[in-house]
Amino acid sequence: MDCLMISSRVAAFVDGELESCECERFVLHIETCDPCTQIVIQIEAQRFSPLSADQRRSICERGAFWGEMDTELNGHLDALVVAPVGPWHRRRVGLPVPMVVAYAAAILLAVVWGVQQQERAQLAELASEHLGQQLEKERRLAAQPGVITPPVSGDGSYKVVTYAPERASF
């Protein structure tokens, strides 16, 4: 809980209307926050007593009562609002730890997957470039056939090869 939540729930706390888990969080906050503790002490010190039916009618039936009440309450609430103290990185965030861990894991997986895909793309680009170079080499050979050099034996003479189609061998 933060100071703004405390100021909005202080009446429910004093009246005992908070659930047990919310009451525990409320108590934990007011134990560590002096301004909020002072608010609770001020509210508890007022010790309201219920009005009789005649008193309620005489007060609430006045036309300007609710306008005056709103002005007075807004003035008190504005005085009670406490500005956050300390740097932004020390303020508590109301996110549960498992949710933060899940977000961190998702971001980590996305980064790892992105790096893996980048490596695959680089390998594919290299393979594509190599194949392109081979294709260009083949095109140049097909467009400009060079002189075919016959196989030469070790002593410098040509080797004669005959083909026999009946035997399908050389």
C-alpha atoms as a PDB file:
ATOM      1  CA  MET A   1       0.000   0.000   0.000  1.00  0.00           C
ATOM      2  CA  ASP A   2       1.077   3.550  -0.587  1.00  0.00           C
ATOM      3  CA  CYS A   3       0.204   6.795   1.184  1.00  0.00           C
ATOM      4  CA  LEU A   4      -2.608   7.651  -1.230  1.00  0.00           C
ATOM      5  CA  MET A   5      -4.271   4.267  -0.665  1.00  0.00           C
ATOM      6  CA  ILE A   6      -3.886   4.682   3.115  1.00  0.00           C
ATOM      7  CA  SER A   7      -5.579   8.092   3.067  1.00  0.00           C
ATOM      8  CA  SER A   8      -8.521   6.685   1.121  1.00  0.00           C
ATOM      9  CA  ARG A   9      -8.917   3.579   3.347  1.00  0.00           C
ATOM     10  CA  VAL A  10      -8.253   5.094   6.801  1.00  0.00           C
ATOM     11  CA  ALA A  11     -11.955   5.380   7.709  1.00  0.00           C
ATOM     12  CA  ALA A  12     -12.563   1.734   6.814  1.00  0.00           C
ATOM     13  CA  PHE A  13      -9.545   0.763   8.944  1.00  0.00           C
ATOM     14  CA  VAL A  14     -10.751   2.734  11.982  1.00  0.00           C
ATOM     15  CA  ASP A  15     -14.255   1.250  11.597  1.00  0.00           C
ATOM     16  CA  GLY A  16     -12.806  -2.285  11.289  1.00  0.00           C
ATOM     17  CA  GLU A  17     -14.240  -2.833   7.815  1.00  0.00           C
ATOM     18  CA  LEU A  18     -11.025  -3.945   6.077  1.00  0.00           C
ATOM     19  CA  GLU A  19     -10.439  -7.598   5.268  1.00  0.00           C
ATOM     20  CA  SER A  20      -7.665  -9.297   7.213  1.00  0.00           C
ATOM     21  CA  CYS A  21      -5.082  -9.330   4.390  1.00  0.00           C
ATOM     22  CA  GLU A  22      -5.755  -5.661   3.545  1.00  0.00           C
ATOM     23  CA  CYS A  23      -5.643  -4.779   7.248  1.00  0.00           C
ATOM     24  CA  GLU A  24      -2.227  -6.460   7.575  1.00  0.00           C
ATOM     25  CA  ARG A  25      -0.847  -4.471   4.627  1.00  0.00           C
ATOM     26  CA  PHE A  26      -2.354  -1.303   6.120  1.00  0.00           C
ATOM     27  CA  VAL A  27      -0.707  -1.926   9.493  1.00  0.00           C
ATOM     28  CA  LEU A  28       2.646  -2.742   7.862  1.00  0.00           C
ATOM     29  CA  HIS A  29       2.555   0.565   5.992  1.00  0.00           C
ATOM     30  CA  ILE A  30       1.580   2.753   8.946  1.00  0.00           C
ATOM     31  CA  GLU A  31       4.319   1.145  11.050  1.00  0.00           C
ATOM     32  CA  THR A  32       6.946   2.442   8.607  1.00  0.00           C
ATOM     33  CA  CYS A  33       5.330   5.736   7.510  1.00  0.00           C
ATOM     34  CA  ASP A  34       5.081   8.506  10.125  1.00  0.00           C
ATOM     35  CA  PRO A  35       2.711  10.825   8.160  1.00  0.00           C
ATOM     36  CA  CYS A  36       0.216   7.993   7.661  1.00  0.00           C
ATOM     37  CA  THR A  37       0.497   7.019  11.338  1.00  0.00           C
ATOM     38  CA  GLN A  38      -0.363  10.621  12.284  1.00  0.00           C
ATOM     39  CA  ILE A  39      -3.444  10.503  10.022  1.00  0.00           C
ATOM     40  CA  VAL A  40      -4.698   7.348  11.748  1.00  0.00           C
ATOM     41  CA  ILE A  41      -4.032   8.831  15.194  1.00  0.00           C
ATOM     42  CA  GLN A  42      -5.923  12.035  14.292  1.00  0.00           C
ATOM     43  CA  ILE A  43      -8.932  10.103  12.972  1.00  0.00           C
ATOM     44  CA  GLU A  44      -9.033   7.793  16.010  1.00  0.00           C
ATOM     45  CA  ALA A  45      -8.761  10.793  18.399  1.00  0.00           C
ATOM     46  CA  GLN A  46     -11.957  12.353  17.023  1.00  0.00           C
ATOM     47  CA  ARG A  47     -14.205   9.608  18.468  1.00  0.00           C
ATOM     48  CA  PHE A  48     -17.351  10.305  16.539  1.00  0.00           C
ATOM     49  CA  SER A  49     -20.697   9.789  18.181  1.00  0.00           C
ATOM     50  CA  PRO A  50     -23.823   9.158  16.125  1.00  0.00           C
ATOM     51  CA  LEU A  51     -26.334  11.988  15.733  1.00  0.00           C
ATOM     52  CA  SER A  52     -29.943  11.730  16.792  1.00  0.00           C
ATOM     53  CA  ALA A  53     -32.627  11.881  14.103  1.00  0.00           C
ATOM     54  CA  ASP A  54     -33.499  15.526  14.971  1.00  0.00           C
ATOM     55  CA  GLN A  55     -29.862  16.595  14.872  1.00  0.00           C
ATOM     56  CA  ARG A  56     -29.301  14.838  11.548  1.00  0.00           C
ATOM     57  CA  ARG A  57     -32.373  16.476  10.010  1.00  0.00           C
ATOM     58  CA  SER A  58     -31.460  19.971  11.228  1.00  0.00           C
ATOM     59  CA  ILE A  59     -27.875  19.718   9.942  1.00  0.00           C
ATOM     60  CA  CYS A  60     -28.317  17.841   6.669  1.00  0.00           C
ATOM     61  CA  GLU A  61     -31.420  19.685   5.454  1.00  0.00           C
ATOM     62  CA  ARG A  62     -29.576  22.993   5.187  1.00  0.00           C
ATOM     63  CA  GLY A  63     -29.020  23.789   1.495  1.00  0.00           C
ATOM     64  CA  ALA A  64     -25.334  24.719   1.808  1.00  0.00           C
ATOM     65  CA  PHE A  65     -24.390  21.823   4.104  1.00  0.00           C
ATOM     66  CA  TRP A  66     -23.060  19.448   1.444  1.00  0.00           C
ATOM     67  CA  GLY A  67     -21.134  22.185  -0.398  1.00  0.00           C
ATOM     68  CA  GLU A  68     -19.466  23.260   2.862  1.00  0.00           C
ATOM     69  CA  MET A  69     -18.788  19.616   3.712  1.00  0.00           C
ATOM     70  CA  ASP A  70     -17.133  18.971   0.326  1.00  0.00           C
ATOM     71  CA  THR A  71     -14.986  22.091   0.657  1.00  0.00           C
ATOM     72  CA  GLU A  72     -13.902  21.169   4.172  1.00  0.00           C
ATOM     73  CA  LEU A  73     -13.167  17.538   3.299  1.00  0.00           C
ATOM     74  CA  ASN A  74     -11.216  18.492   0.162  1.00  0.00           C
ATOM     75  CA  GLY A  75      -9.135  20.911   2.221  1.00  0.00           C
ATOM     76  CA  HIS A  76      -8.336  18.211   4.782  1.00  0.00           C
ATOM     77  CA  LEU A  77      -7.521  15.623   2.107  1.00  0.00           C
ATOM     78  CA  ASP A  78      -5.272  18.051   0.230  1.00  0.00           C
ATOM     79  CA  ALA A  79      -3.374  18.707   3.451  1.00  0.00           C
ATOM     80  CA  LEU A  80      -3.006  14.973   4.106  1.00  0.00           C
ATOM     81  CA  VAL A  81      -1.672  13.989   0.687  1.00  0.00           C
ATOM     82  CA  VAL A  82       1.988  13.291   1.148  1.00  0.00           C
ATOM     83  CA  ALA A  83       4.337  13.716  -1.790  1.00  0.00           C
ATOM     84  CA  PRO A  84       6.512  10.681  -2.497  1.00  0.00           C
ATOM     85  CA  VAL A  85       9.755  10.908  -0.583  1.00  0.00           C
ATOM     86  CA  GLY A  86      13.055   9.693  -2.006  1.00  0.00           C
ATOM     87  CA  PRO A  87      14.275   8.894  -5.484  1.00  0.00           C
ATOM     88  CA  TRP A  88      12.045   7.127  -7.988  1.00  0.00           C
ATOM     89  CA  HIS A  89      14.082   3.902  -7.938  1.00  0.00           C
ATOM     90  CA  ARG A  90      13.417   3.371  -4.222  1.00  0.00           C
ATOM     91  CA  ARG A  91       9.644   3.558  -4.503  1.00  0.00           C
ATOM     92  CA  ARG A  92       7.795   0.295  -4.219  1.00  0.00           C
ATOM     93  CA  VAL A  93       6.016  -0.990  -7.268  1.00  0.00           C
ATOM     94  CA  GLY A  94       2.788  -2.857  -6.784  1.00  0.00           C
ATOM     95  CA  LEU A  95       3.701  -5.778  -9.080  1.00  0.00           C
ATOM     96  CA  PRO A  96       3.905  -9.311  -7.722  1.00  0.00           C
ATOM     97  CA  VAL A  97       7.332 -10.945  -7.904  1.00  0.00           C
ATOM     98  CA  PRO A  98       6.174 -13.903 -10.076  1.00  0.00           C
ATOM     99  CA  MET A  99       4.810 -11.466 -12.655  1.00  0.00           C
ATOM    100  CA  VAL A 100       8.098  -9.557 -12.763  1.00  0.00           C
ATOM    101  CA  VAL A 101      10.031 -12.828 -13.119  1.00  0.00           C
ATOM    102  CA  ALA A 102       7.715 -13.955 -15.934  1.00  0.00           C
ATOM    103  CA  TYR A 103       8.192 -10.654 -17.789  1.00  0.00           C
ATOM    104  CA  ALA A 104      11.976 -10.883 -17.370  1.00  0.00           C
ATOM    105  CA  ALA A 105      11.994 -14.472 -18.667  1.00  0.00           C
ATOM    106  CA  ALA A 106       9.863 -13.506 -21.672  1.00  0.00           C
ATOM    107  CA  ILE A 107      12.190 -10.639 -22.527  1.00  0.00           C
ATOM    108  CA  LEU A 108      15.239 -12.888 -22.139  1.00  0.00           C
ATOM    109  CA  LEU A 109      13.700 -15.524 -24.429  1.00  0.00           C
ATOM    110  CA  ALA A 110      12.891 -12.872 -27.019  1.00  0.00           C
ATOM    111  CA  VAL A 111      16.467 -11.569 -26.968  1.00  0.00           C
ATOM    112  CA  VAL A 112      17.977 -15.077 -27.240  1.00  0.00           C
ATOM    113  CA  TRP A 113      15.610 -15.971 -30.093  1.00  0.00           C
ATOM    114  CA  GLY A 114      16.489 -12.721 -31.879  1.00  0.00           C
ATOM    115  CA  VAL A 115      20.224 -13.402 -31.592  1.00  0.00           C
ATOM    116  CA  GLN A 116      19.713 -16.945 -32.870  1.00  0.00           C
ATOM    117  CA  GLN A 117      17.679 -15.708 -35.832  1.00  0.00           C
ATOM    118  CA  GLN A 118      20.318 -13.085 -36.603  1.00  0.00           C
ATOM    119  CA  GLU A 119      23.023 -15.776 -36.697  1.00  0.00           C
ATOM    120  CA  ARG A 120      20.874 -17.941 -38.977  1.00  0.00           C
ATOM    121  CA  ALA A 121      20.255 -14.994 -41.270  1.00  0.00           C
ATOM    122  CA  GLN A 122      23.983 -14.273 -41.489  1.00  0.00           C
ATOM    123  CA  LEU A 123      24.747 -17.921 -42.323  1.00  0.00           C
ATOM    124  CA  ALA A 124      22.015 -17.964 -44.961  1.00  0.00           C
ATOM    125  CA  GLU A 125      23.367 -14.743 -46.446  1.00  0.00           C
ATOM    126  CA  LEU A 126      26.889 -16.216 -46.655  1.00  0.00           C
ATOM    127  CA  ALA A 127      25.568 -19.410 -48.282  1.00  0.00           C
ATOM    128  CA  SER A 128      23.521 -17.359 -50.740  1.00  0.00           C
ATOM    129  CA  GLU A 129      26.528 -15.218 -51.613  1.00  0.00           C
ATOM    130  CA  HIS A 130      28.681 -18.323 -52.156  1.00  0.00           C
ATOM    131  CA  LEU A 131      26.043 -19.936 -54.383  1.00  0.00           C
ATOM    132  CA  GLY A 132      25.715 -16.687 -56.321  1.00  0.00           C
ATOM    133  CA  GLN A 133      29.452 -16.619 -56.936  1.00  0.00           C
ATOM    134  CA  GLN A 134      29.406 -20.232 -58.125  1.00  0.00           C
ATOM    135  CA  LEU A 135      26.466 -19.522 -60.426  1.00  0.00           C
ATOM    136  CA  GLU A 136      28.209 -16.480 -61.885  1.00  0.00           C
ATOM    137  CA  LYS A 137      31.339 -18.590 -62.490  1.00  0.00           C
ATOM    138  CA  GLU A 138      29.258 -21.237 -64.298  1.00  0.00           C
ATOM    139  CA  ARG A 139      27.574 -18.555 -66.429  1.00  0.00           C
ATOM    140  CA  ARG A 140      30.933 -17.093 -67.471  1.00  0.00           C
ATOM    141  CA  LEU A 141      32.201 -20.562 -68.415  1.00  0.00           C
ATOM    142  CA  ALA A 142      29.053 -21.289 -70.429  1.00  0.00           C
ATOM    143  CA  ALA A 143      29.200 -17.943 -72.247  1.00  0.00           C
ATOM    144  CA  GLN A 144      32.904 -18.120 -73.148  1.00  0.00           C
ATOM    145  CA  PRO A 145      34.047 -21.678 -73.548  1.00  0.00           C
ATOM    146  CA  GLY A 146      37.812 -21.878 -73.316  1.00  0.00           C
ATOM    147  CA  VAL A 147      40.208 -24.282 -74.937  1.00  0.00           C
ATOM    148  CA  ILE A 148      39.829 -27.691 -73.456  1.00  0.00           C
ATOM    149  CA  THR A 149      43.156 -29.157 -72.602  1.00  0.00           C
ATOM    150  CA  PRO A 150      43.372 -32.881 -73.214  1.00  0.00           C
ATOM    151  CA  PRO A 151      44.671 -35.070 -70.451  1.00  0.00           C
ATOM    152  CA  VAL A 152      48.391 -35.586 -70.730  1.00  0.00           C
ATOM    153  CA  SER A 153      50.272 -38.548 -69.339  1.00  0.00           C
ATOM    154  CA  GLY A 154      53.328 -38.127 -67.167  1.00  0.00           C
ATOM    155  CA  ASP A 155      55.802 -38.421 -70.097  1.00  0.00           C
ATOM    156  CA  GLY A 156      54.141 -35.615 -72.112  1.00  0.00           C
ATOM    157  CA  SER A 157      52.279 -37.804 -74.616  1.00  0.00           C
ATOM    158  CA  TYR A 158      48.555 -37.894 -75.104  1.00  0.00           C
ATOM    159  CA  LYS A 159      46.583 -40.786 -73.810  1.00  0.00           C
ATOM    160  CA  VAL A 160      44.217 -42.271 -76.339  1.00  0.00           C
ATOM    161  CA  VAL A 161      40.884 -43.397 -75.012  1.00  0.00           C
ATOM    162  CA  THR A 162      38.430 -45.434 -77.035  1.00  0.00           C
ATOM    163  CA  TYR A 163      34.813 -45.921 -76.290  1.00  0.00           C
ATOM    164  CA  ALA A 164      33.027 -49.163 -76.981  1.00  0.00           C
ATOM    165  CA  PRO A 165      29.247 -48.638 -76.859  1.00  0.00           C
ATOM    166  CA  GLU A 166      28.489 -52.382 -76.782  1.00  0.00           C
ATOM    167  CA  ARG A 167      30.367 -52.816 -73.544  1.00  0.00           C
ATOM    168  CA  ALA A 168      29.499 -49.348 -72.178  1.00  0.00           C
ATOM    169  CA  SER A 169      33.054 -48.868 -71.014  1.00  0.00           C
ATOM    170  CA  PHE A 170      36.194 -47.030 -71.932  1.00  0.00           C
END
